[in-house]
């Protein structure tokens, strides 16, 4: 079964600070172990919310708010990763994806290796990868699969997308001062912005949580949500 582990933003990530040397040193071996075990499928980090925009669709009207954001309803029902030339182009595709539905979406660029000083930006690179995060509502939290209006975005633009099962099927891990607290879903709210995610293949949510715990140990104090994904 596939699970998504979402780790939340903190003051450091929202300030755009690069990962610490200790984090990077620990991340490599852990990722290698997860890949060798067939657990790790995908993962990305997001740049600070100050680099993004928030779209609110209501009654056929679109409102655009520039970051930085404060968390409100940060539960996700679907995300899309698009490869475009500008955030304005990402906004256009997100608007087409939204169609006539009421929704809230955040759009933020993904963190590339050159963003954190791990090498130069490739010569001739003119596009940027953005994550479009659509927020959950009462329907998707009640177990209705998120709408699949994916035909609005062509394969040349859409790199990846996943639909998340309701938070009632997930767990929240909170690490503070070396102590772990486990909270069963559903989550009535999630006010912490997303800093990144990984997708894992595991036989149970408990095993996914065990891998996520090792990941969390590299971060120190952190909050993570683990939720199963819908299968196609």
Foldseek 3Di string as FASTA:
>chain_A
DKKKKFWFDDPCQQVQAADDPLLVVLVVVLVVVQVVVQWFDDKFFFHHQQQKWKWWADQNDIDIGHDDDWFWFAAFFKKWKWKAQDNVVVVVLVPLLCPNHTWMKMKTFIDDCVSRPNDHDDPPDRITIIMITIGDDPCQLVFDRDDDSPVSDDPNTTDDMFGFHHQQQKWKWWAAPNDIDIGHDDDPGDRTHTGMMTMTDDPDNVVVVVSVVSSVVSVHTIMMMMTGTDDD
